[in-house]
C-alpha atoms as a PDB file:
ATOM      1  CA  UNK A   1    -112.307   4.303-307.495  1.00  0.00           C
ATOM      2  CA  UNK A   2    -114.509   1.291-306.880  1.00  0.00           C
ATOM      3  CA  UNK A   3    -118.276   1.392-307.173  1.00  0.00           C
ATOM      4  CA  UNK A   4    -120.788  -1.220-306.146  1.00  0.00           C
ATOM      5  CA  UNK A   5    -124.491  -1.139-306.908  1.00  0.00           C
ATOM      6  CA  UNK A   6    -127.051  -3.397-305.282  1.00  0.00           C
ATOM      7  CA  UNK A   7    -129.681  -2.494-307.840  1.00  0.00           C
ATOM      8  CA  UNK A   8    -129.264  -3.410-311.445  1.00  0.00           C
ATOM      9  CA  UNK A   9    -128.295  -6.359-313.576  1.00  0.00           C
ATOM     10  CA  UNK A  10    -125.314  -7.403-311.482  1.00  0.00           C
ATOM     11  CA  UNK A  11    -126.269  -7.165-307.843  1.00  0.00           C
ATOM     12  CA  UNK A  12    -123.221  -6.558-305.739  1.00  0.00           C
ATOM     13  CA  UNK A  13    -123.082  -5.409-302.181  1.00  0.00           C
ATOM     14  CA  UNK A  14    -120.457  -3.220-300.559  1.00  0.00           C
ATOM     15  CA  UNK A  15    -119.868  -5.761-297.821  1.00  0.00           C
ATOM     16  CA  UNK A  16    -118.999  -8.447-300.381  1.00  0.00           C
ATOM     17  CA  UNK A  17    -116.650  -6.161-302.303  1.00  0.00           C
ATOM     18  CA  UNK A  18    -114.870  -5.031-299.147  1.00  0.00           C
ATOM     19  CA  UNK A  19    -114.212  -8.627-298.120  1.00  0.00           C
ATOM     20  CA  UNK A  20    -113.190  -9.744-301.637  1.00  0.00           C
ATOM     21  CA  UNK A  21    -110.723  -6.871-301.977  1.00  0.00           C
ATOM     22  CA  UNK A  22    -109.512  -6.580-298.376  1.00  0.00           C
ATOM     23  CA  UNK A  23    -105.823  -6.561-299.378  1.00  0.00           C
ATOM     24  CA  UNK A  24    -106.384  -3.785-301.882  1.00  0.00           C
ATOM     25  CA  UNK A  25    -108.503  -1.888-299.346  1.00  0.00           C
ATOM     26  CA  UNK A  26    -105.592  -1.882-296.882  1.00  0.00           C
ATOM     27  CA  UNK A  27    -103.153  -0.731-299.581  1.00  0.00           C
ATOM     28  CA  UNK A  28    -105.468   2.046-300.739  1.00  0.00           C
ATOM     29  CA  UNK A  29    -106.032   3.258-297.179  1.00  0.00           C
ATOM     30  CA  UNK A  30    -102.269   3.246-296.583  1.00  0.00           C
ATOM     31  CA  UNK A  31    -102.006   5.494-299.654  1.00  0.00           C
ATOM     32  CA  UNK A  32    -104.576   7.935-298.212  1.00  0.00           C
ATOM     33  CA  UNK A  33    -107.832   6.701-299.752  1.00  0.00           C
ATOM     34  CA  UNK A  34    -111.225   7.868-298.510  1.00  0.00           C
ATOM     35  CA  UNK A  35    -114.188   5.490-298.215  1.00  0.00           C
ATOM     36  CA  UNK A  36    -117.630   6.811-299.168  1.00  0.00           C
ATOM     37  CA  UNK A  37    -120.658   4.710-298.233  1.00  0.00           C
ATOM     38  CA  UNK A  38    -123.986   5.810-299.690  1.00  0.00           C
ATOM     39  CA  UNK A  39    -127.395   4.181-299.393  1.00  0.00           C
ATOM     40  CA  UNK A  40    -129.898   2.914-296.882  1.00  0.00           C
ATOM     41  CA  UNK A  41    -128.694   3.492-293.310  1.00  0.00           C
ATOM     42  CA  UNK A  42    -130.137   0.260-291.957  1.00  0.00           C
ATOM     43  CA  UNK A  43    -128.822  -1.921-294.781  1.00  0.00           C
ATOM     44  CA  UNK A  44    -125.744  -0.632-296.556  1.00  0.00           C
ATOM     45  CA  UNK A  45    -124.660   1.803-293.864  1.00  0.00           C
ATOM     46  CA  UNK A  46    -124.765  -0.627-290.964  1.00  0.00           C
ATOM     47  CA  UNK A  47    -123.539  -3.621-292.967  1.00  0.00           C
ATOM     48  CA  UNK A  48    -120.593  -1.844-294.560  1.00  0.00           C
ATOM     49  CA  UNK A  49    -119.548  -0.298-291.256  1.00  0.00           C
ATOM     50  CA  UNK A  50    -119.673  -3.691-289.542  1.00  0.00           C
ATOM     51  CA  UNK A  51    -117.562  -5.196-292.320  1.00  0.00           C
ATOM     52  CA  UNK A  52    -115.024  -2.376-292.103  1.00  0.00           C
ATOM     53  CA  UNK A  53    -114.757  -2.913-288.343  1.00  0.00           C
ATOM     54  CA  UNK A  54    -114.105  -6.617-288.925  1.00  0.00           C
ATOM     55  CA  UNK A  55    -111.460  -5.925-291.573  1.00  0.00           C
ATOM     56  CA  UNK A  56    -109.746  -2.899-290.042  1.00  0.00           C
ATOM     57  CA  UNK A  57    -110.551  -3.017-286.363  1.00  0.00           C
ATOM     58  CA  UNK A  58    -112.595  -0.658-284.211  1.00  0.00           C
ATOM     59  CA  UNK A  59    -109.748   1.763-283.416  1.00  0.00           C
ATOM     60  CA  UNK A  60    -108.704   2.153-287.046  1.00  0.00           C
ATOM     61  CA  UNK A  61    -112.300   2.775-288.140  1.00  0.00           C
ATOM     62  CA  UNK A  62    -112.743   5.382-285.404  1.00  0.00           C
ATOM     63  CA  UNK A  63    -109.501   7.103-286.404  1.00  0.00           C
ATOM     64  CA  UNK A  64    -110.414   7.115-290.103  1.00  0.00           C
ATOM     65  CA  UNK A  65    -113.924   8.408-289.364  1.00  0.00           C
ATOM     66  CA  UNK A  66    -112.590  11.242-287.196  1.00  0.00           C
ATOM     67  CA  UNK A  67    -110.124  12.133-289.958  1.00  0.00           C
ATOM     68  CA  UNK A  68    -112.966  12.248-292.514  1.00  0.00           C
ATOM     69  CA  UNK A  69    -111.672   9.227-294.395  1.00  0.00           C
ATOM     70  CA  UNK A  70    -114.772   7.106-293.831  1.00  0.00           C
ATOM     71  CA  UNK A  71    -117.788   9.112-294.921  1.00  0.00           C
ATOM     72  CA  UNK A  72    -121.441   8.127-294.888  1.00  0.00           C
ATOM     73  CA  UNK A  73    -124.304   9.508-296.950  1.00  0.00           C
ATOM     74  CA  UNK A  74    -127.225   7.421-295.770  1.00  0.00           C
ATOM     75  CA  UNK A  75    -130.970   7.853-295.593  1.00  0.00           C
END
């Protein structure tokens, strides 16, 4: 389980973490991991989804989303 918070003492952003840990992301997804993205739709939601598309490809993201393995809780 990895968590990233953009508010607080250490500002980190999901997009940065995804890129920094791309190898681990692939390994975790191969093992059945689910990605949960929570936060502002226009900032974190859009940015994280764009980053996932860059790292995984459009088809893989679509497949994972349809399988419920990329989940968004945005406002």
